[in-house]
Protein backbone atom coordinates (compact mmCIF):
# COMPACT_ATOMS: atom_id res chain seq x y z
CA MET A 1 0.00 0.00 0.00
CA ARG A 2 0.99 3.62 -0.41
CA ILE A 3 0.04 6.20 2.17
CA LEU A 4 -0.25 9.79 0.98
CA GLY A 5 -0.22 13.04 2.94
CA ARG A 6 2.04 14.39 5.67
CA VAL A 7 3.43 10.97 6.46
CA GLN A 8 7.18 11.51 6.50
CA ARG A 9 9.09 12.97 9.46
CA VAL A 10 6.17 12.16 11.75
CA GLY A 11 7.27 8.70 12.93
CA PHE A 12 5.01 6.84 10.49
CA ARG A 13 7.53 4.08 9.70
CA TYR A 14 8.26 3.31 13.35
CA TRP A 15 4.58 3.48 14.28
CA THR A 16 3.94 1.01 11.43
CA ILE A 17 6.61 -1.37 12.73
CA ASP A 18 5.07 -1.32 16.20
CA GLU A 19 1.52 -1.79 14.92
CA ALA A 20 2.42 -4.53 12.42
CA SER A 21 4.56 -6.39 14.94
CA ARG A 22 1.77 -6.22 17.53
CA ARG A 23 -0.51 -7.91 14.97
CA GLY A 24 2.08 -10.57 14.13
CA LEU A 25 2.50 -9.37 10.53
CA ASP A 26 5.52 -9.80 8.32
CA GLY A 27 6.56 -7.26 5.71
CA TRP A 28 8.25 -3.91 5.38
CA VAL A 29 7.70 -0.15 5.34
CA GLY A 30 9.70 2.62 3.70
CA ASN A 31 9.62 6.25 2.69
CA ARG A 32 9.35 7.11 -1.00
CA ALA A 33 11.13 10.00 -2.66
CA ASP A 34 7.75 11.53 -3.58
CA GLY A 35 6.87 12.04 0.11
CA SER A 36 4.59 9.03 0.50
CA VAL A 37 5.14 5.92 2.61
CA GLU A 38 4.94 2.43 1.10
CA ALA A 39 4.28 -0.76 3.06
CA VAL A 40 3.68 -4.46 2.47
CA PHE A 41 1.81 -6.52 5.06
CA VAL A 42 1.73 -10.34 5.11
CA GLY A 43 -0.27 -12.35 7.61
CA LEU A 44 -3.77 -13.43 8.55
CA SER A 45 -6.30 -11.60 6.39
CA HIS A 46 -8.22 -10.08 9.31
CA GLU A 47 -4.97 -8.75 10.83
CA VAL A 48 -3.86 -7.30 7.46
CA ASP A 49 -7.29 -5.67 7.03
CA ASP A 50 -7.03 -4.20 10.52
CA MET A 51 -3.56 -2.84 9.73
CA LEU A 52 -4.74 -1.30 6.47
CA ALA A 53 -7.54 0.46 8.35
CA ALA A 54 -5.08 1.70 10.99
CA CYS A 55 -2.79 3.14 8.30
CA ALA A 56 -5.67 5.27 7.01
CA ASP A 57 -5.34 7.21 10.29
CA GLY A 58 -1.66 6.66 11.10
CA PRO A 59 0.14 8.01 14.16
CA PRO A 60 -1.17 11.15 15.89
CA SER A 61 1.25 13.55 14.12
CA ALA A 62 0.46 12.27 10.61
CA VAL A 63 -2.10 13.70 8.21
CA VAL A 64 -3.22 10.92 5.86
CA ASN A 65 -4.83 12.25 2.68
CA GLY A 66 -5.22 8.92 0.93
CA VAL A 67 -4.34 5.25 0.84
CA VAL A 68 -3.71 3.28 -2.34
CA GLU A 69 -3.97 -0.48 -1.90
CA SER A 70 -2.53 -3.03 -4.31
CA GLU A 71 -1.89 -6.76 -4.35
CA VAL A 72 1.56 -8.14 -3.61
CA ASP A 73 3.21 -10.54 -6.02
CA GLU A 74 2.96 -14.12 -4.68
CA ASN A 75 6.75 -14.57 -4.85
CA GLU A 76 7.36 -11.46 -2.75
CA ARG A 77 4.66 -12.52 -0.30
CA ALA A 78 6.24 -15.98 0.08
CA ALA A 79 9.69 -14.44 0.57
CA LEU A 80 8.42 -12.27 3.45
CA VAL A 81 6.65 -14.98 5.46
CA GLY A 82 8.36 -15.56 8.80
CA ARG A 83 10.82 -12.67 8.41
CA GLY A 84 9.18 -10.17 10.76
CA PHE A 85 8.64 -6.52 9.95
CA SER A 86 11.39 -4.10 8.88
CA VAL A 87 12.19 -0.66 7.47
CA ARG A 88 13.44 -0.35 3.91
CA PRO A 89 15.57 2.56 2.68
CA THR A 90 13.92 5.46 0.84
CA GLU A 91 13.22 4.70 -2.80
């Protein structure tokens, strides 16, 4: 997913790590050069859905203007299972 708005320099990535880890999700989060945040969540569907809903609000200092959801390639999904949740460098 991509999260749009004032989502960089507000702790969004670290909030995402905490929230995803609390839900037992695998995946990653990273800033994008265009000012958005991108994340991939892998886990039980109800936990992923809950995380997607949480990202629409984000941490208290964020201002989320939009969320763009997309499907993850099956190979990437399989590669992330069991690896925990991490931060990726800005792309």
